[in-house]
């Protein structure tokens, strides 16, 4: 099974936010992309165990998006 985790940069709060349409309850944030990635790796198995106790081995696909406003 494959789950997609979306990482989005919030310019106002200066944090990365992790969410997923595939994993109910997944909402994490961190100022560091690498720290958020690590937190997500620990949180996802716990959330899956709570939502579907008979979860088989799975893959996580991380999608990231960061947009910044620039001017000349």
Protein backbone atom coordinates (compact mmCIF):
# COMPACT_ATOMS: atom_id res chain seq x y z
CA UNK A 1 0.00 0.00 0.00
CA UNK A 2 1.17 3.53 -0.76
CA UNK A 3 0.32 6.67 1.20
CA UNK A 4 1.02 10.20 -0.01
CA UNK A 5 2.16 12.83 2.49
CA UNK A 6 2.11 16.47 1.41
CA UNK A 7 4.63 18.95 2.83
CA UNK A 8 3.68 22.58 2.30
CA UNK A 9 5.62 25.67 3.36
CA UNK A 10 3.61 28.30 5.27
CA UNK A 11 5.28 31.68 4.62
CA UNK A 12 3.37 33.47 7.37
CA UNK A 13 4.19 30.99 10.12
CA UNK A 14 7.63 30.03 8.69
CA UNK A 15 6.94 26.32 9.10
CA UNK A 16 6.54 23.21 7.00
CA UNK A 17 3.17 21.47 7.41
CA UNK A 18 2.58 17.77 6.77
CA UNK A 19 -0.90 16.55 5.81
CA UNK A 20 -2.34 13.59 3.97
CA UNK A 21 -5.68 12.74 2.39
CA UNK A 22 -4.73 9.08 2.84
CA UNK A 23 -3.88 9.15 6.56
CA UNK A 24 -6.65 10.47 8.82
CA UNK A 25 -5.39 12.73 11.59
CA UNK A 26 -2.01 13.53 10.10
CA UNK A 27 -1.27 17.20 10.70
CA UNK A 28 2.25 18.06 11.82
CA UNK A 29 4.43 21.14 11.54
CA UNK A 30 8.07 22.07 11.99
CA UNK A 31 10.42 24.90 11.06
CA UNK A 32 12.79 22.36 9.52
CA UNK A 33 11.97 20.14 6.54
CA UNK A 34 14.26 17.37 7.80
CA UNK A 35 12.77 17.47 11.30
CA UNK A 36 9.26 17.26 9.87
CA UNK A 37 10.25 14.32 7.70
CA UNK A 38 11.55 12.49 10.77
CA UNK A 39 8.46 13.32 12.86
CA UNK A 40 6.23 12.10 10.04
CA UNK A 41 8.10 8.80 9.80
CA UNK A 42 7.30 8.15 13.47
CA UNK A 43 3.72 9.46 13.48
CA UNK A 44 2.39 7.65 10.39
CA UNK A 45 2.74 4.08 11.69
CA UNK A 46 1.02 5.09 14.93
CA UNK A 47 -1.86 6.78 13.10
CA UNK A 48 -2.27 3.84 10.74
CA UNK A 49 -2.34 1.43 13.67
CA UNK A 50 -5.11 3.49 15.28
CA UNK A 51 -7.15 3.75 12.07
CA UNK A 52 -6.52 0.31 10.54
CA UNK A 53 -4.95 -2.17 13.01
CA UNK A 54 -4.26 -4.77 10.29
CA UNK A 55 -2.06 -2.51 8.14
CA UNK A 56 0.32 -4.37 5.85
CA UNK A 57 3.75 -3.09 4.86
CA UNK A 58 3.42 0.28 3.18
CA UNK A 59 5.28 2.94 1.21
CA UNK A 60 5.30 6.65 1.98
CA UNK A 61 5.59 9.11 -0.87
CA UNK A 62 6.54 12.62 0.22
CA UNK A 63 5.44 15.52 -1.98
CA UNK A 64 6.73 18.99 -1.12
CA UNK A 65 5.77 22.45 -2.28
CA UNK A 66 7.36 25.76 -1.38
CA UNK A 67 6.36 28.98 -3.07
CA UNK A 68 7.93 32.36 -2.42
CA UNK A 69 6.86 35.76 -3.62
CA UNK A 70 9.67 37.70 -5.30
CA UNK A 71 9.95 41.18 -6.70
CA UNK A 72 12.54 42.97 -8.81
